[in-house]
């Protein structure tokens, strides 16, 4: 089960340290509006279901503390090989094209011990900075 803060599920991008700090900065700047996760390894293994439209999530920093809140705008589950460029571009990490996005994500997931291929189920979540509650 994922950690909760004030009853909300947390959103932890990448791994703690430089990567998470960089990704969080992109969210705060409005450049990163999406994230991708592995249905089996990131959700099912943790006993979690994918996010729902309208759900508020607490974005956490490398220290596990609240950075901000985001609100989920869309959620799609699809094979890695079917992820569209519009979604990849919304991740805001500067990939030049879909091939670069796929290669970077495959390398990341493999670096954390998850083998993936074009048939691996991916949860594609689009979000926006949440207005104050």
N, C-alpha and C. Protein backbone atom coordinates (compact mmCIF):
# COMPACT_ATOMS: atom_id res chain seq x y z
N UNK A 1 0.84 -1.18 0.00
CA UNK A 1 0.00 0.00 0.00
C UNK A 1 0.89 1.25 0.00
N UNK A 2 0.49 2.22 -0.80
CA UNK A 2 1.25 3.46 -0.86
C UNK A 2 1.02 4.31 0.38
N UNK A 3 2.00 5.11 0.73
CA UNK A 3 1.80 6.03 1.87
C UNK A 3 0.67 7.01 1.58
N UNK A 4 0.05 7.49 2.64
CA UNK A 4 -0.99 8.51 2.56
C UNK A 4 -0.52 9.71 3.39
N UNK A 5 -0.90 10.88 2.93
CA UNK A 5 -0.70 12.11 3.69
C UNK A 5 -2.05 12.81 3.73
N UNK A 6 -2.52 13.09 4.94
CA UNK A 6 -3.83 13.70 5.13
C UNK A 6 -4.92 12.94 4.36
N UNK A 7 -4.79 11.61 4.33
CA UNK A 7 -5.78 10.75 3.69
C UNK A 7 -5.65 10.63 2.19
N UNK A 8 -4.72 11.36 1.57
CA UNK A 8 -4.53 11.31 0.12
C UNK A 8 -3.35 10.40 -0.23
N UNK A 9 -3.49 9.68 -1.35
CA UNK A 9 -2.36 8.88 -1.83
C UNK A 9 -1.23 9.81 -2.25
N UNK A 10 -0.02 9.30 -2.14
CA UNK A 10 1.13 10.09 -2.52
C UNK A 10 1.56 9.76 -3.95
N UNK A 11 2.21 10.72 -4.56
CA UNK A 11 2.80 10.56 -5.90
C UNK A 11 4.28 10.82 -5.74
N UNK A 12 5.08 9.76 -5.90
CA UNK A 12 6.53 9.91 -5.79
C UNK A 12 7.13 9.62 -7.16
N UNK A 13 7.66 10.64 -7.77
CA UNK A 13 8.21 10.54 -9.12
C UNK A 13 9.66 10.07 -9.07
N UNK A 14 10.00 9.09 -9.89
CA UNK A 14 11.37 8.61 -9.95
C UNK A 14 11.81 8.04 -8.62
N UNK A 15 13.11 8.09 -8.39
CA UNK A 15 13.69 7.63 -7.12
C UNK A 15 14.18 8.84 -6.35
N UNK A 16 14.22 8.76 -5.01
CA UNK A 16 14.68 9.91 -4.23
C UNK A 16 16.07 10.37 -4.66
N UNK A 17 16.27 11.67 -4.57
CA UNK A 17 17.55 12.26 -4.95
C UNK A 17 17.39 13.18 -6.14
N UNK A 18 18.45 13.28 -6.91
CA UNK A 18 18.49 14.23 -8.03
C UNK A 18 17.34 14.02 -9.00
N UNK A 19 17.02 12.77 -9.34
CA UNK A 19 15.95 12.52 -10.31
C UNK A 19 14.62 13.04 -9.79
N UNK A 20 14.25 12.67 -8.56
CA UNK A 20 12.97 13.13 -8.02
C UNK A 20 12.93 14.65 -7.90
N UNK A 21 14.02 15.24 -7.46
CA UNK A 21 14.07 16.70 -7.32
C UNK A 21 13.86 17.37 -8.68
N UNK A 22 14.48 16.83 -9.72
CA UNK A 22 14.35 17.41 -11.07
C UNK A 22 12.92 17.25 -11.58
N UNK A 23 12.34 16.06 -11.40
CA UNK A 23 10.97 15.82 -11.88
C UNK A 23 9.97 16.71 -11.12
N UNK A 24 10.14 16.84 -9.81
CA UNK A 24 9.24 17.70 -9.04
C UNK A 24 9.35 19.15 -9.49
N UNK A 25 10.56 19.60 -9.80
CA UNK A 25 10.74 20.97 -10.29
C UNK A 25 9.99 21.17 -11.61
N UNK A 26 9.99 20.15 -12.47
CA UNK A 26 9.25 20.24 -13.73
C UNK A 26 7.75 20.34 -13.48
N UNK A 27 7.24 19.60 -12.48
CA UNK A 27 5.82 19.70 -12.13
C UNK A 27 5.51 21.11 -11.65
N UNK A 28 6.32 21.62 -10.73
CA UNK A 28 6.07 22.95 -10.17
C UNK A 28 6.15 24.04 -11.23
N UNK A 29 6.97 23.83 -12.24
CA UNK A 29 7.11 24.81 -13.34
C UNK A 29 5.99 24.66 -14.37
N UNK A 30 5.16 23.63 -14.23
CA UNK A 30 4.07 23.41 -15.18
C UNK A 30 4.47 22.68 -16.44
N UNK A 31 5.70 22.19 -16.51
CA UNK A 31 6.17 21.49 -17.71
C UNK A 31 5.83 20.00 -17.68
N UNK A 32 5.80 19.40 -16.51
CA UNK A 32 5.49 17.97 -16.38
C UNK A 32 4.05 17.85 -15.94
N UNK A 33 3.22 17.26 -16.82
CA UNK A 33 1.79 17.13 -16.55
C UNK A 33 1.33 15.67 -16.65
N UNK A 34 2.29 14.75 -16.64
CA UNK A 34 1.93 13.33 -16.77
C UNK A 34 3.03 12.46 -16.18
N UNK A 35 2.66 11.24 -15.86
CA UNK A 35 3.62 10.25 -15.39
C UNK A 35 3.13 8.86 -15.78
N UNK A 36 4.06 7.94 -15.91
CA UNK A 36 3.74 6.57 -16.31
C UNK A 36 4.22 5.60 -15.23
N UNK A 37 3.41 4.59 -14.97
CA UNK A 37 3.78 3.56 -14.01
C UNK A 37 3.49 2.18 -14.56
N UNK A 38 4.05 1.19 -13.95
CA UNK A 38 3.84 -0.20 -14.36
C UNK A 38 2.64 -0.78 -13.61
N UNK A 39 1.64 -1.25 -14.35
CA UNK A 39 0.43 -1.75 -13.72
C UNK A 39 0.73 -2.85 -12.71
N UNK A 40 1.51 -3.82 -13.10
CA UNK A 40 1.78 -4.94 -12.19
C UNK A 40 2.75 -4.58 -11.07
N UNK A 41 3.91 -4.04 -11.41
CA UNK A 41 4.96 -3.80 -10.41
C UNK A 41 4.68 -2.60 -9.52
N UNK A 42 4.10 -1.55 -10.07
CA UNK A 42 3.89 -0.33 -9.28
C UNK A 42 2.53 -0.29 -8.60
N UNK A 43 1.54 -0.92 -9.18
CA UNK A 43 0.19 -0.86 -8.62
C UNK A 43 -0.21 -2.16 -7.96
N UNK A 44 -0.35 -3.22 -8.75
CA UNK A 44 -0.86 -4.49 -8.22
C UNK A 44 0.03 -5.04 -7.11
N UNK A 45 1.34 -4.95 -7.28
CA UNK A 45 2.25 -5.47 -6.24
C UNK A 45 2.09 -4.71 -4.93
N UNK A 46 1.62 -3.47 -5.00
CA UNK A 46 1.43 -2.65 -3.81
C UNK A 46 -0.02 -2.69 -3.31
N UNK A 47 -0.89 -3.46 -4.00
CA UNK A 47 -2.28 -3.53 -3.60
C UNK A 47 -3.06 -2.26 -3.91
N UNK A 48 -2.63 -1.54 -4.93
CA UNK A 48 -3.27 -0.28 -5.31
C UNK A 48 -3.94 -0.40 -6.66
N UNK A 49 -5.00 0.37 -6.84
CA UNK A 49 -5.66 0.51 -8.13
C UNK A 49 -5.15 1.79 -8.79
N UNK A 50 -5.23 1.89 -10.11
CA UNK A 50 -4.84 3.15 -10.75
C UNK A 50 -5.66 4.33 -10.21
N UNK A 51 -5.10 5.49 -10.37
CA UNK A 51 -5.75 6.71 -9.95
C UNK A 51 -7.08 6.88 -10.67
N UNK A 52 -7.92 7.76 -10.16
CA UNK A 52 -9.19 8.06 -10.80
C UNK A 52 -9.24 9.55 -11.15
N UNK A 53 -9.97 9.86 -12.20
CA UNK A 53 -10.12 11.25 -12.62
C UNK A 53 -10.72 12.05 -11.47
N UNK A 54 -10.11 13.19 -11.17
CA UNK A 54 -10.55 14.05 -10.08
C UNK A 54 -9.85 13.77 -8.76
N UNK A 55 -9.15 12.66 -8.65
CA UNK A 55 -8.45 12.32 -7.42
C UNK A 55 -7.31 13.32 -7.17
N UNK A 56 -7.17 13.73 -5.93
CA UNK A 56 -6.05 14.58 -5.53
C UNK A 56 -4.95 13.69 -4.98
N UNK A 57 -3.72 13.97 -5.37
CA UNK A 57 -2.54 13.24 -4.92
C UNK A 57 -1.55 14.22 -4.30
N UNK A 58 -0.83 13.77 -3.30
CA UNK A 58 0.21 14.60 -2.70
C UNK A 58 1.54 14.25 -3.36
N UNK A 59 2.10 15.21 -4.06
CA UNK A 59 3.44 15.04 -4.64
C UNK A 59 4.45 15.16 -3.52
N UNK A 60 5.32 14.15 -3.39
CA UNK A 60 6.29 14.15 -2.29
C UNK A 60 7.71 14.33 -2.82
N UNK A 61 8.53 14.92 -1.96
CA UNK A 61 9.93 15.13 -2.28
C UNK A 61 10.77 13.95 -1.87
N UNK A 62 12.06 14.09 -2.03
CA UNK A 62 13.00 13.01 -1.70
C UNK A 62 12.94 12.64 -0.23
N UNK A 63 12.50 13.58 0.61
CA UNK A 63 12.38 13.32 2.04
C UNK A 63 11.03 12.72 2.43
N UNK A 64 10.16 12.48 1.43
CA UNK A 64 8.84 11.92 1.69
C UNK A 64 7.83 12.93 2.17
N UNK A 65 8.20 14.19 2.19
CA UNK A 65 7.31 15.25 2.66
C UNK A 65 6.56 15.89 1.49
N UNK A 66 5.42 16.51 1.79
CA UNK A 66 4.57 17.18 0.82
C UNK A 66 5.34 18.28 0.08
N UNK A 67 5.22 18.25 -1.26
CA UNK A 67 5.73 19.33 -2.10
C UNK A 67 4.55 20.19 -2.55
N UNK A 68 3.53 19.52 -3.07
CA UNK A 68 2.30 20.18 -3.53
C UNK A 68 1.25 19.10 -3.73
N UNK A 69 0.10 19.50 -4.20
CA UNK A 69 -0.93 18.53 -4.58
C UNK A 69 -1.22 18.69 -6.06
N UNK A 70 -1.57 17.57 -6.68
CA UNK A 70 -2.00 17.56 -8.07
C UNK A 70 -3.36 16.91 -8.13
N UNK A 71 -4.09 17.19 -9.20
CA UNK A 71 -5.39 16.56 -9.42
C UNK A 71 -5.32 15.79 -10.73
N UNK A 72 -5.81 14.56 -10.71
CA UNK A 72 -5.75 13.67 -11.87
C UNK A 72 -6.78 14.11 -12.91
N UNK A 73 -6.32 14.28 -14.14
CA UNK A 73 -7.19 14.69 -15.24
C UNK A 73 -7.58 13.53 -16.15
N UNK A 74 -6.69 12.54 -16.31
CA UNK A 74 -7.02 11.36 -17.11
C UNK A 74 -6.13 10.20 -16.70
N UNK A 75 -6.65 9.00 -16.91
CA UNK A 75 -5.93 7.77 -16.60
C UNK A 75 -6.23 6.78 -17.72
N UNK A 76 -5.19 6.24 -18.32
CA UNK A 76 -5.34 5.22 -19.35
C UNK A 76 -4.34 4.11 -19.08
N UNK A 77 -4.78 2.87 -19.24
CA UNK A 77 -3.90 1.71 -19.12
C UNK A 77 -3.75 1.13 -20.52
N UNK A 78 -2.49 0.95 -20.95
CA UNK A 78 -2.24 0.46 -22.30
C UNK A 78 -0.86 -0.20 -22.34
N UNK A 79 -0.61 -0.99 -23.38
CA UNK A 79 0.73 -1.57 -23.54
C UNK A 79 1.76 -0.46 -23.80
N UNK A 80 2.96 -0.64 -23.33
CA UNK A 80 4.03 0.33 -23.54
C UNK A 80 4.15 0.70 -25.00
N UNK A 81 4.05 -0.27 -25.89
CA UNK A 81 4.18 -0.02 -27.31
C UNK A 81 3.06 0.81 -27.91
N UNK A 82 1.98 1.05 -27.15
CA UNK A 82 0.85 1.84 -27.65
C UNK A 82 0.79 3.25 -27.06
N UNK A 83 1.71 3.60 -26.17
CA UNK A 83 1.67 4.93 -25.55
C UNK A 83 1.88 5.97 -26.65
N UNK A 84 0.97 6.95 -26.75
CA UNK A 84 1.07 7.95 -27.82
C UNK A 84 2.04 9.08 -27.48
N UNK A 85 2.50 9.75 -28.53
CA UNK A 85 3.44 10.85 -28.36
C UNK A 85 2.84 11.98 -27.53
N UNK A 86 1.55 12.25 -27.65
CA UNK A 86 0.94 13.32 -26.86
C UNK A 86 1.14 13.08 -25.37
N UNK A 87 0.99 11.84 -24.94
CA UNK A 87 1.22 11.53 -23.52
C UNK A 87 2.71 11.68 -23.19
N UNK A 88 3.57 11.08 -24.00
CA UNK A 88 5.01 11.14 -23.73
C UNK A 88 5.48 12.59 -23.64
N UNK A 89 5.01 13.43 -24.53
CA UNK A 89 5.39 14.85 -24.52
C UNK A 89 4.90 15.53 -23.23
N UNK A 90 3.71 15.14 -22.75
CA UNK A 90 3.15 15.73 -21.53
C UNK A 90 3.98 15.38 -20.30
N UNK A 91 4.79 14.33 -20.40
CA UNK A 91 5.67 14.02 -19.26
C UNK A 91 6.73 15.09 -19.07
N UNK A 92 6.97 15.91 -20.08
CA UNK A 92 7.77 17.11 -19.93
C UNK A 92 9.23 16.93 -19.61
N UNK A 93 9.80 15.78 -19.97
CA UNK A 93 11.19 15.51 -19.61
C UNK A 93 12.16 15.78 -20.76
N UNK A 94 11.66 16.39 -21.85
CA UNK A 94 12.55 16.82 -22.92
C UNK A 94 12.87 15.79 -23.97
N UNK A 95 12.12 14.69 -24.01
CA UNK A 95 12.37 13.69 -25.05
C UNK A 95 12.05 14.28 -26.42
N UNK A 96 12.91 13.96 -27.40
CA UNK A 96 12.75 14.50 -28.76
C UNK A 96 11.64 13.80 -29.53
N UNK A 97 11.38 12.53 -29.20
CA UNK A 97 10.36 11.77 -29.91
C UNK A 97 9.96 10.56 -29.08
N UNK A 98 9.00 9.81 -29.59
CA UNK A 98 8.48 8.66 -28.86
C UNK A 98 9.53 7.58 -28.64
N UNK A 99 10.40 7.37 -29.61
CA UNK A 99 11.45 6.36 -29.46
C UNK A 99 12.38 6.71 -28.30
N UNK A 100 12.72 7.98 -28.17
CA UNK A 100 13.58 8.40 -27.06
C UNK A 100 12.86 8.25 -25.73
N UNK A 101 11.57 8.58 -25.71
CA UNK A 101 10.78 8.42 -24.49
C UNK A 101 10.76 6.95 -24.07
N UNK A 102 10.45 6.05 -25.01
CA UNK A 102 10.39 4.61 -24.69
C UNK A 102 11.74 4.11 -24.19
N UNK A 103 12.81 4.46 -24.89
CA UNK A 103 14.14 4.00 -24.49
C UNK A 103 14.49 4.48 -23.08
N UNK A 104 14.18 5.73 -22.78
CA UNK A 104 14.46 6.27 -21.45
C UNK A 104 13.67 5.58 -20.37
N UNK A 105 12.40 5.30 -20.64
CA UNK A 105 11.57 4.64 -19.65
C UNK A 105 11.97 3.19 -19.46
N UNK A 106 12.28 2.51 -20.53
CA UNK A 106 12.74 1.11 -20.42
C UNK A 106 14.02 1.08 -19.59
N UNK A 107 14.96 1.98 -19.88
CA UNK A 107 16.22 2.02 -19.13
C UNK A 107 15.96 2.30 -17.65
N UNK A 108 15.06 3.24 -17.36
CA UNK A 108 14.76 3.54 -15.96
C UNK A 108 14.17 2.32 -15.26
N UNK A 109 13.12 1.73 -15.85
CA UNK A 109 12.49 0.60 -15.19
C UNK A 109 13.47 -0.57 -15.02
N UNK A 110 14.32 -0.80 -16.01
CA UNK A 110 15.32 -1.87 -15.85
C UNK A 110 16.31 -1.53 -14.75
N UNK A 111 16.63 -0.24 -14.58
CA UNK A 111 17.58 0.16 -13.53
C UNK A 111 17.02 -0.08 -12.13
N UNK A 112 15.70 -0.16 -12.01
CA UNK A 112 15.08 -0.45 -10.71
C UNK A 112 14.59 -1.90 -10.65
N UNK A 113 15.08 -2.74 -11.58
CA UNK A 113 14.83 -4.17 -11.51
C UNK A 113 13.56 -4.66 -12.18
N UNK A 114 12.96 -3.86 -13.06
CA UNK A 114 11.73 -4.26 -13.74
C UNK A 114 11.97 -4.42 -15.24
N UNK A 115 11.92 -5.64 -15.71
CA UNK A 115 12.05 -5.88 -17.14
C UNK A 115 10.73 -5.54 -17.82
N UNK A 116 10.80 -4.76 -18.89
CA UNK A 116 9.60 -4.36 -19.62
C UNK A 116 9.81 -4.56 -21.12
N UNK A 117 8.71 -4.65 -21.84
CA UNK A 117 8.76 -4.71 -23.30
C UNK A 117 7.53 -3.99 -23.83
N UNK A 118 7.34 -3.98 -25.13
CA UNK A 118 6.23 -3.23 -25.72
C UNK A 118 4.86 -3.72 -25.28
N UNK A 119 4.76 -4.93 -24.73
CA UNK A 119 3.48 -5.45 -24.27
C UNK A 119 3.19 -5.20 -22.80
N UNK A 120 4.15 -4.64 -22.06
CA UNK A 120 3.96 -4.39 -20.63
C UNK A 120 2.87 -3.35 -20.41
N UNK A 121 1.94 -3.64 -19.50
CA UNK A 121 0.84 -2.71 -19.20
C UNK A 121 1.36 -1.50 -18.43
N UNK A 122 1.07 -0.32 -18.99
CA UNK A 122 1.51 0.95 -18.43
C UNK A 122 0.29 1.75 -18.00
N UNK A 123 0.36 2.38 -16.84
CA UNK A 123 -0.68 3.30 -16.38
C UNK A 123 -0.22 4.71 -16.73
N UNK A 124 -0.95 5.37 -17.59
CA UNK A 124 -0.61 6.73 -18.04
C UNK A 124 -1.53 7.71 -17.33
N UNK A 125 -0.96 8.53 -16.46
CA UNK A 125 -1.72 9.46 -15.65
C UNK A 125 -1.37 10.89 -16.05
N UNK A 126 -2.38 11.67 -16.42
CA UNK A 126 -2.20 13.09 -16.69
C UNK A 126 -2.78 13.86 -15.49
N UNK A 127 -2.11 14.94 -15.11
CA UNK A 127 -2.52 15.69 -13.93
C UNK A 127 -2.24 17.17 -14.10
N UNK A 128 -2.76 17.96 -13.19
CA UNK A 128 -2.51 19.40 -13.14
C UNK A 128 -2.25 19.77 -11.70
N UNK A 129 -1.57 20.87 -11.48
CA UNK A 129 -1.42 21.37 -10.12
C UNK A 129 -2.82 21.62 -9.56
N UNK A 130 -3.05 21.19 -8.34
CA UNK A 130 -4.37 21.31 -7.75
C UNK A 130 -4.57 22.72 -7.20
N UNK A 131 -5.79 23.24 -7.36
CA UNK A 131 -6.08 24.52 -6.72
C UNK A 131 -6.09 24.32 -5.21
N UNK A 132 -5.89 25.35 -4.45
CA UNK A 132 -5.92 25.20 -2.99
C UNK A 132 -7.25 24.60 -2.54
N UNK A 133 -7.17 23.75 -1.54
CA UNK A 133 -8.39 23.07 -1.03
C UNK A 133 -9.25 24.02 -0.24
